[in-house]
Amino acid sequence: MIESLQAFTTSLPPMFQWLGVLLVAAIPFVESYFGAVLGVVSGVNPVLAIAAAVVGNIVSLLVFVLAAHGVRAKVSAGKTPKEMTPRRAKLRAAFDKFGVAGVSLVGPTILPSQITSVAMISFGAPKNAVILWQVISIILWGTAFGVLATMGVTLVR
């Protein structure tokens, strides 16, 4: 899959390869971190590759968060919450322990930011807090992986 995404990015005219990075980074599981690496390895300027990957991931995240928030508001309007299953209660306990910030910063090691953010919204986390911490996480992860990829590409040359 990564080879296909890299082939897509490099098939674009050099002036528009950043756009390929932006589109690829919007895909869940690719995110800003793999998008930044893909951009750097494809020959896109590292700063541009990281920025495009971060923007692509953030746009995708906003679509998921706003949709989840809208659905949750409509579904839960006027209803009393159901009793939680043991599995969901365990997940909720982890969310309560680490909070929006912790789940946002560590979440990409387990699940894509889009899925993590939808789960937090489903638990009733404030939409704006989820967006803020997910954006911070996306920037940190994308920058870290982009810098590491740049260092790796520099070592190989």
N, C-alpha and C. Protein backbone atom coordinates (compact mmCIF):
# COMPACT_ATOMS: atom_id res chain seq x y z
N MET A 1 0.83 -1.19 0.00
CA MET A 1 0.00 0.00 0.00
C MET A 1 0.87 1.25 0.00
N ILE A 2 1.91 1.27 0.84
CA ILE A 2 2.77 2.45 0.93
C ILE A 2 3.44 2.71 -0.43
N GLU A 3 3.85 1.63 -1.11
CA GLU A 3 4.46 1.80 -2.43
C GLU A 3 3.48 2.41 -3.42
N SER A 4 2.23 2.02 -3.34
CA SER A 4 1.20 2.58 -4.23
C SER A 4 1.00 4.06 -3.95
N LEU A 5 0.97 4.41 -2.66
CA LEU A 5 0.79 5.82 -2.29
C LEU A 5 2.00 6.65 -2.72
N GLN A 6 3.20 6.07 -2.58
CA GLN A 6 4.40 6.78 -3.02
C GLN A 6 4.39 6.94 -4.54
N ALA A 7 3.99 5.89 -5.24
CA ALA A 7 3.92 5.96 -6.71
C ALA A 7 2.92 7.04 -7.14
N PHE A 8 1.79 7.13 -6.43
CA PHE A 8 0.81 8.17 -6.72
C PHE A 8 1.43 9.55 -6.55
N THR A 9 2.11 9.75 -5.43
CA THR A 9 2.71 11.06 -5.13
C THR A 9 3.79 11.42 -6.15
N THR A 10 4.66 10.49 -6.46
CA THR A 10 5.74 10.79 -7.40
C THR A 10 5.25 10.90 -8.84
N SER A 11 4.07 10.36 -9.15
CA SER A 11 3.55 10.46 -10.50
C SER A 11 3.02 11.86 -10.82
N LEU A 12 2.78 12.64 -9.78
CA LEU A 12 2.31 14.01 -9.98
C LEU A 12 3.46 14.89 -10.44
N PRO A 13 3.16 15.97 -11.15
CA PRO A 13 4.23 16.91 -11.50
C PRO A 13 4.91 17.41 -10.21
N PRO A 14 6.22 17.61 -10.24
CA PRO A 14 6.94 18.01 -9.01
C PRO A 14 6.30 19.20 -8.27
N MET A 15 5.73 20.12 -9.03
CA MET A 15 5.13 21.30 -8.40
C MET A 15 3.87 20.93 -7.58
N PHE A 16 3.26 19.78 -7.86
CA PHE A 16 2.02 19.40 -7.19
C PHE A 16 2.16 18.16 -6.30
N GLN A 17 3.37 17.70 -6.07
CA GLN A 17 3.56 16.51 -5.24
C GLN A 17 3.12 16.77 -3.80
N TRP A 18 3.21 18.00 -3.34
CA TRP A 18 2.75 18.33 -1.99
C TRP A 18 1.25 18.04 -1.87
N LEU A 19 0.52 18.25 -2.97
CA LEU A 19 -0.92 17.97 -2.96
C LEU A 19 -1.18 16.48 -2.80
N GLY A 20 -0.34 15.66 -3.42
CA GLY A 20 -0.43 14.21 -3.24
C GLY A 20 -0.19 13.82 -1.79
N VAL A 21 0.80 14.47 -1.16
CA VAL A 21 1.08 14.21 0.26
C VAL A 21 -0.12 14.60 1.11
N LEU A 22 -0.73 15.74 0.81
CA LEU A 22 -1.91 16.20 1.56
C LEU A 22 -3.05 15.19 1.44
N LEU A 23 -3.30 14.71 0.23
CA LEU A 23 -4.39 13.75 0.03
C LEU A 23 -4.11 12.42 0.72
N VAL A 24 -2.88 11.95 0.64
CA VAL A 24 -2.51 10.68 1.25
C VAL A 24 -2.62 10.76 2.77
N ALA A 25 -2.20 11.88 3.35
CA ALA A 25 -2.23 12.04 4.81
C ALA A 25 -3.66 12.12 5.36
N ALA A 26 -4.63 12.38 4.50
CA ALA A 26 -6.03 12.43 4.94
C ALA A 26 -6.61 11.03 5.14
N ILE A 27 -5.90 10.01 4.69
CA ILE A 27 -6.38 8.63 4.80
C ILE A 27 -6.12 8.12 6.22
N PRO A 28 -7.16 7.62 6.91
CA PRO A 28 -6.91 7.03 8.23
C PRO A 28 -5.87 5.91 8.13
N PHE A 29 -5.07 5.78 9.14
CA PHE A 29 -3.95 4.84 9.25
C PHE A 29 -2.69 5.34 8.54
N VAL A 30 -2.80 6.28 7.60
CA VAL A 30 -1.62 6.88 6.99
C VAL A 30 -1.24 8.09 7.83
N GLU A 31 -2.20 8.98 8.05
CA GLU A 31 -2.04 10.12 8.96
C GLU A 31 -0.88 11.04 8.59
N SER A 32 -0.60 11.97 9.48
CA SER A 32 0.46 12.95 9.23
C SER A 32 1.84 12.32 9.32
N TYR A 33 1.99 11.31 10.18
CA TYR A 33 3.33 10.76 10.35
C TYR A 33 3.79 9.97 9.14
N PHE A 34 2.97 9.08 8.59
CA PHE A 34 3.38 8.36 7.39
C PHE A 34 3.33 9.27 6.16
N GLY A 35 2.40 10.21 6.16
CA GLY A 35 2.33 11.17 5.05
C GLY A 35 3.59 12.00 4.94
N ALA A 36 4.10 12.46 6.09
CA ALA A 36 5.33 13.26 6.09
C ALA A 36 6.51 12.42 5.60
N VAL A 37 6.60 11.20 6.07
CA VAL A 37 7.68 10.30 5.63
C VAL A 37 7.57 10.05 4.13
N LEU A 38 6.37 9.76 3.68
CA LEU A 38 6.14 9.52 2.25
C LEU A 38 6.57 10.73 1.42
N GLY A 39 6.22 11.92 1.88
CA GLY A 39 6.60 13.14 1.16
C GLY A 39 8.11 13.33 1.10
N VAL A 40 8.77 13.13 2.23
CA VAL A 40 10.22 13.30 2.28
C VAL A 40 10.90 12.28 1.37
N VAL A 41 10.48 11.02 1.48
CA VAL A 41 11.08 9.95 0.66
C VAL A 41 10.80 10.17 -0.82
N SER A 42 9.67 10.79 -1.14
CA SER A 42 9.31 11.05 -2.54
C SER A 42 10.05 12.26 -3.11
N GLY A 43 10.78 12.97 -2.26
CA GLY A 43 11.57 14.10 -2.75
C GLY A 43 10.94 15.46 -2.55
N VAL A 44 9.81 15.53 -1.86
CA VAL A 44 9.19 16.82 -1.57
C VAL A 44 10.03 17.51 -0.50
N ASN A 45 10.17 18.81 -0.60
CA ASN A 45 10.88 19.57 0.42
C ASN A 45 10.33 19.17 1.79
N PRO A 46 11.20 18.82 2.76
CA PRO A 46 10.72 18.32 4.05
C PRO A 46 9.73 19.25 4.77
N VAL A 47 9.98 20.55 4.74
CA VAL A 47 9.05 21.48 5.41
C VAL A 47 7.69 21.44 4.73
N LEU A 48 7.69 21.43 3.41
CA LEU A 48 6.44 21.36 2.65
C LEU A 48 5.75 20.01 2.85
N ALA A 49 6.53 18.94 2.88
CA ALA A 49 5.97 17.59 3.08
C ALA A 49 5.29 17.48 4.45
N ILE A 50 5.96 17.98 5.48
CA ILE A 50 5.38 17.92 6.83
C ILE A 50 4.14 18.78 6.90
N ALA A 51 4.21 20.00 6.37
CA ALA A 51 3.05 20.90 6.41
C ALA A 51 1.86 20.31 5.66
N ALA A 52 2.11 19.76 4.48
CA ALA A 52 1.02 19.18 3.69
C ALA A 52 0.41 17.97 4.40
N ALA A 53 1.25 17.14 5.00
CA ALA A 53 0.76 15.96 5.71
C ALA A 53 -0.08 16.37 6.92
N VAL A 54 0.37 17.38 7.64
CA VAL A 54 -0.37 17.85 8.81
C VAL A 54 -1.72 18.43 8.39
N VAL A 55 -1.73 19.26 7.36
CA VAL A 55 -2.98 19.87 6.90
C VAL A 55 -3.96 18.79 6.41
N GLY A 56 -3.47 17.84 5.64
CA GLY A 56 -4.34 16.76 5.14
C GLY A 56 -4.97 15.97 6.27
N ASN A 57 -4.16 15.64 7.29
CA ASN A 57 -4.66 14.88 8.44
C ASN A 57 -5.66 15.70 9.24
N ILE A 58 -5.39 16.98 9.41
CA ILE A 58 -6.30 17.85 10.19
C ILE A 58 -7.65 18.00 9.48
N VAL A 59 -7.62 18.20 8.17
CA VAL A 59 -8.88 18.34 7.42
C VAL A 59 -9.72 17.07 7.58
N SER A 60 -9.09 15.92 7.41
CA SER A 60 -9.78 14.65 7.58
C SER A 60 -10.34 14.51 8.99
N LEU A 61 -9.54 14.85 9.98
CA LEU A 61 -9.96 14.77 11.37
C LEU A 61 -11.19 15.65 11.61
N LEU A 62 -11.18 16.88 11.10
CA LEU A 62 -12.31 17.79 11.31
C LEU A 62 -13.59 17.23 10.72
N VAL A 63 -13.51 16.60 9.57
CA VAL A 63 -14.70 15.98 8.97
C VAL A 63 -15.27 14.92 9.91
N PHE A 64 -14.39 14.05 10.42
CA PHE A 64 -14.83 12.97 11.31
C PHE A 64 -15.39 13.53 12.62
N VAL A 65 -14.71 14.50 13.24
CA VAL A 65 -15.15 15.03 14.53
C VAL A 65 -16.49 15.75 14.40
N LEU A 66 -16.61 16.59 13.39
CA LEU A 66 -17.86 17.34 13.24
C LEU A 66 -19.03 16.41 12.91
N ALA A 67 -18.78 15.39 12.10
CA ALA A 67 -19.84 14.42 11.79
C ALA A 67 -20.23 13.63 13.04
N ALA A 68 -19.24 13.17 13.80
CA ALA A 68 -19.52 12.40 15.02
C ALA A 68 -20.27 13.25 16.04
N HIS A 69 -19.87 14.50 16.17
CA HIS A 69 -20.54 15.39 17.12
C HIS A 69 -22.01 15.60 16.72
N GLY A 70 -22.24 15.79 15.43
CA GLY A 70 -23.61 15.98 14.94
C GLY A 70 -24.47 14.74 15.16
N VAL A 71 -23.90 13.58 14.87
CA VAL A 71 -24.64 12.32 15.05
C VAL A 71 -24.94 12.10 16.52
N ARG A 72 -23.93 12.32 17.38
CA ARG A 72 -24.12 12.10 18.81
C ARG A 72 -25.20 13.03 19.37
N ALA A 73 -25.21 14.27 18.93
CA ALA A 73 -26.21 15.23 19.40
C ALA A 73 -27.62 14.78 19.02
N LYS A 74 -27.78 14.28 17.80
CA LYS A 74 -29.11 13.84 17.35
C LYS A 74 -29.55 12.55 18.03
N VAL A 75 -28.63 11.61 18.19
CA VAL A 75 -28.97 10.31 18.76
C VAL A 75 -29.27 10.42 20.26
N SER A 76 -28.51 11.25 20.95
CA SER A 76 -28.67 11.31 22.41
C SER A 76 -29.68 12.35 22.87
N ALA A 77 -30.26 13.10 21.96
CA ALA A 77 -31.21 14.14 22.33
C ALA A 77 -32.44 13.53 23.02
N GLY A 78 -32.65 13.89 24.28
CA GLY A 78 -33.81 13.47 25.03
C GLY A 78 -33.80 12.02 25.49
N LYS A 79 -32.72 11.31 25.33
CA LYS A 79 -32.64 9.91 25.76
C LYS A 79 -31.79 9.78 27.00
N THR A 80 -32.17 8.84 27.83
CA THR A 80 -31.33 8.54 28.99
C THR A 80 -30.25 7.56 28.55
N PRO A 81 -29.03 7.75 29.05
CA PRO A 81 -27.94 6.86 28.63
C PRO A 81 -28.17 5.42 29.06
N LYS A 82 -27.81 4.49 28.17
CA LYS A 82 -27.93 3.07 28.48
C LYS A 82 -26.81 2.66 29.42
N GLU A 83 -27.05 1.56 30.12
CA GLU A 83 -26.02 1.01 30.98
C GLU A 83 -24.89 0.47 30.10
N MET A 84 -23.66 0.73 30.55
CA MET A 84 -22.50 0.32 29.76
C MET A 84 -22.20 -1.16 29.92
N THR A 85 -21.74 -1.74 28.82
CA THR A 85 -21.25 -3.12 28.87
C THR A 85 -19.90 -3.10 29.60
N PRO A 86 -19.47 -4.23 30.13
CA PRO A 86 -18.17 -4.26 30.82
C PRO A 86 -17.01 -3.78 29.93
N ARG A 87 -17.05 -4.16 28.67
CA ARG A 87 -15.98 -3.75 27.75
C ARG A 87 -15.96 -2.25 27.55
N ARG A 88 -17.13 -1.66 27.34
CA ARG A 88 -17.22 -0.21 27.14
C ARG A 88 -16.87 0.52 28.43
N ALA A 89 -17.23 -0.04 29.57
CA ALA A 89 -16.90 0.57 30.86
C ALA A 89 -15.38 0.60 31.05
N LYS A 90 -14.71 -0.44 30.61
CA LYS A 90 -13.25 -0.50 30.71
C LYS A 90 -12.61 0.57 29.83
N LEU A 91 -13.13 0.71 28.61
CA LEU A 91 -12.64 1.73 27.69
C LEU A 91 -12.89 3.13 28.26
N ARG A 92 -14.06 3.31 28.85
CA ARG A 92 -14.40 4.60 29.45
C ARG A 92 -13.48 4.92 30.62
N ALA A 93 -13.13 3.92 31.42
CA ALA A 93 -12.22 4.12 32.55
C ALA A 93 -10.85 4.58 32.07
N ALA A 94 -10.37 3.99 30.98
CA ALA A 94 -9.08 4.42 30.41
C ALA A 94 -9.17 5.85 29.91
N PHE A 95 -10.29 6.19 29.28
CA PHE A 95 -10.50 7.56 28.81
C PHE A 95 -10.52 8.53 29.98
N ASP A 96 -11.24 8.16 31.05
CA ASP A 96 -11.31 9.03 32.23
C ASP A 96 -9.95 9.19 32.89
N LYS A 97 -9.15 8.15 32.86
CA LYS A 97 -7.83 8.19 33.49
C LYS A 97 -6.87 9.12 32.75
N PHE A 98 -6.84 9.03 31.42
CA PHE A 98 -5.87 9.79 30.64
C PHE A 98 -6.42 11.10 30.08
N GLY A 99 -7.73 11.22 29.97
CA GLY A 99 -8.33 12.45 29.48
C GLY A 99 -8.14 12.65 27.98
N VAL A 100 -8.69 13.73 27.49
CA VAL A 100 -8.62 14.04 26.06
C VAL A 100 -7.17 14.23 25.62
N ALA A 101 -6.39 14.95 26.42
CA ALA A 101 -4.99 15.22 26.05
C ALA A 101 -4.19 13.93 25.96
N GLY A 102 -4.27 13.09 26.96
CA GLY A 102 -3.51 11.84 26.97
C GLY A 102 -3.89 10.91 25.85
N VAL A 103 -5.19 10.75 25.63
CA VAL A 103 -5.66 9.87 24.56
C VAL A 103 -5.24 10.43 23.20
N SER A 104 -5.31 11.74 23.04
CA SER A 104 -4.92 12.35 21.77
C SER A 104 -3.45 12.18 21.48
N LEU A 105 -2.61 12.36 22.48
CA LEU A 105 -1.16 12.29 22.27
C LEU A 105 -0.64 10.87 22.12
N VAL A 106 -1.25 9.92 22.82
CA VAL A 106 -0.78 8.54 22.77
C VAL A 106 -1.60 7.69 21.79
N GLY A 107 -2.80 8.12 21.50
CA GLY A 107 -3.70 7.37 20.63
C GLY A 107 -3.15 6.92 19.30
N PRO A 108 -2.35 7.75 18.60
CA PRO A 108 -1.84 7.34 17.30
C PRO A 108 -0.97 6.08 17.32
N THR A 109 -0.51 5.68 18.48
CA THR A 109 0.26 4.43 18.57
C THR A 109 -0.65 3.22 18.43
N ILE A 110 -1.96 3.42 18.62
CA ILE A 110 -2.91 2.31 18.59
C ILE A 110 -3.90 2.43 17.43
N LEU A 111 -4.51 3.60 17.30
CA LEU A 111 -5.57 3.82 16.30
C LEU A 111 -5.36 5.16 15.60
N PRO A 112 -5.94 5.33 14.40
CA PRO A 112 -5.85 6.62 13.73
C PRO A 112 -6.55 7.72 14.53
N SER A 113 -6.11 8.94 14.31
CA SER A 113 -6.69 10.08 15.03
C SER A 113 -8.19 10.21 14.76
N GLN A 114 -8.62 9.86 13.56
CA GLN A 114 -10.05 9.97 13.24
C GLN A 114 -10.88 9.04 14.13
N ILE A 115 -10.43 7.81 14.29
CA ILE A 115 -11.17 6.84 15.10
C ILE A 115 -11.09 7.21 16.58
N THR A 116 -9.91 7.60 17.03
CA THR A 116 -9.73 8.00 18.42
C THR A 116 -10.64 9.19 18.75
N SER A 117 -10.69 10.17 17.87
CA SER A 117 -11.51 11.35 18.14
C SER A 117 -13.00 11.02 18.16
N VAL A 118 -13.44 10.14 17.27
CA VAL A 118 -14.86 9.74 17.27
C VAL A 118 -15.20 9.02 18.57
N ALA A 119 -14.28 8.16 19.05
CA ALA A 119 -14.52 7.46 20.32
C ALA A 119 -14.63 8.46 21.47
N MET A 120 -13.76 9.46 21.49
CA MET A 120 -13.83 10.46 22.57
C MET A 120 -15.12 11.26 22.51
N ILE A 121 -15.56 11.60 21.30
CA ILE A 121 -16.83 12.32 21.14
C ILE A 121 -17.98 11.44 21.64
N SER A 122 -17.92 10.14 21.36
CA SER A 122 -18.99 9.24 21.80
C SER A 122 -19.07 9.15 23.31
N PHE A 123 -17.94 9.39 24.00
CA PHE A 123 -17.93 9.40 25.45
C PHE A 123 -18.39 10.74 26.02
N GLY A 124 -18.66 11.69 25.15
CA GLY A 124 -19.13 12.99 25.61
C GLY A 124 -18.04 14.02 25.81
N ALA A 125 -16.84 13.76 25.29
CA ALA A 125 -15.76 14.74 25.41
C ALA A 125 -16.14 16.00 24.63
N PRO A 126 -15.76 17.16 25.14
CA PRO A 126 -16.08 18.40 24.42
C PRO A 126 -15.42 18.43 23.04
N LYS A 127 -16.22 18.75 22.05
CA LYS A 127 -15.76 18.78 20.66
C LYS A 127 -14.51 19.65 20.49
N ASN A 128 -14.52 20.84 21.06
CA ASN A 128 -13.40 21.76 20.88
C ASN A 128 -12.13 21.25 21.55
N ALA A 129 -12.26 20.58 22.69
CA ALA A 129 -11.08 20.01 23.35
C ALA A 129 -10.50 18.88 22.52
N VAL A 130 -11.36 18.06 21.95
CA VAL A 130 -10.90 16.96 21.10
C VAL A 130 -10.16 17.53 19.88
N ILE A 131 -10.74 18.53 19.25
CA ILE A 131 -10.09 19.14 18.08
C ILE A 131 -8.74 19.73 18.46
N LEU A 132 -8.69 20.50 19.54
CA LEU A 132 -7.45 21.15 19.96
C LEU A 132 -6.34 20.13 20.20
N TRP A 133 -6.62 19.11 21.01
CA TRP A 133 -5.59 18.14 21.37
C TRP A 133 -5.23 17.22 20.20
N GLN A 134 -6.18 16.93 19.35
CA GLN A 134 -5.86 16.11 18.17
C GLN A 134 -4.98 16.90 17.20
N VAL A 135 -5.24 18.19 17.04
CA VAL A 135 -4.40 19.02 16.17
C VAL A 135 -2.98 19.09 16.73
N ILE A 136 -2.85 19.28 18.03
CA ILE A 136 -1.52 19.29 18.66
C ILE A 136 -0.82 17.96 18.41
N SER A 137 -1.53 16.87 18.60
CA SER A 137 -0.96 15.54 18.39
C SER A 137 -0.54 15.34 16.93
N ILE A 138 -1.38 15.73 16.00
CA ILE A 138 -1.08 15.58 14.57
C ILE A 138 0.18 16.36 14.21
N ILE A 139 0.30 17.57 14.72
CA ILE A 139 1.49 18.39 14.44
C ILE A 139 2.74 17.74 15.03
N LEU A 140 2.65 17.29 16.28
CA LEU A 140 3.81 16.67 16.92
C LEU A 140 4.26 15.39 16.21
N TRP A 141 3.31 14.49 15.94
CA TRP A 141 3.65 13.22 15.29
C TRP A 141 4.16 13.44 13.87
N GLY A 142 3.50 14.31 13.11
CA GLY A 142 3.92 14.58 11.74
C GLY A 142 5.30 15.20 11.68
N THR A 143 5.56 16.15 12.58
CA THR A 143 6.87 16.80 12.61
C THR A 143 7.96 15.82 13.02
N ALA A 144 7.70 15.04 14.05
CA ALA A 144 8.70 14.07 14.52
C ALA A 144 9.07 13.07 13.43
N PHE A 145 8.07 12.49 12.78
CA PHE A 145 8.35 11.50 11.74
C PHE A 145 8.97 12.15 10.50
N GLY A 146 8.53 13.36 10.17
CA GLY A 146 9.11 14.07 9.03
C GLY A 146 10.58 14.40 9.25
N VAL A 147 10.91 14.84 10.47
CA VAL A 147 12.31 15.14 10.80
C VAL A 147 13.14 13.87 10.77
N LEU A 148 12.62 12.80 11.36
CA LEU A 148 13.35 11.52 11.34
C LEU A 148 13.57 11.03 9.91
N ALA A 149 12.55 11.16 9.07
CA ALA A 149 12.69 10.75 7.67
C ALA A 149 13.72 11.62 6.96
N THR A 150 13.72 12.91 7.24
CA THR A 150 14.69 13.81 6.63
C THR A 150 16.11 13.43 7.05
N MET A 151 16.29 13.13 8.32
CA MET A 151 17.60 12.71 8.82
C MET A 151 18.01 11.40 8.16
N GLY A 152 17.08 10.48 8.02
CA GLY A 152 17.37 9.20 7.39
C GLY A 152 17.72 9.34 5.93
N VAL A 153 16.98 10.19 5.23
CA VAL A 153 17.25 10.42 3.81
C VAL A 153 18.60 11.11 3.66
N THR A 154 18.93 12.02 4.55
CA THR A 154 20.21 12.71 4.50
C THR A 154 21.36 11.73 4.74
N LEU A 155 21.18 10.78 5.66
CA LEU A 155 22.23 9.80 5.94
C LEU A 155 22.48 8.89 4.75
N VAL A 156 21.43 8.57 4.01
CA VAL A 156 21.55 7.64 2.89
C VAL A 156 22.25 8.30 1.70
N ARG A 157 22.04 9.57 1.52
CA ARG A 157 22.62 10.28 0.35
C ARG A 157 24.08 10.37 0.44
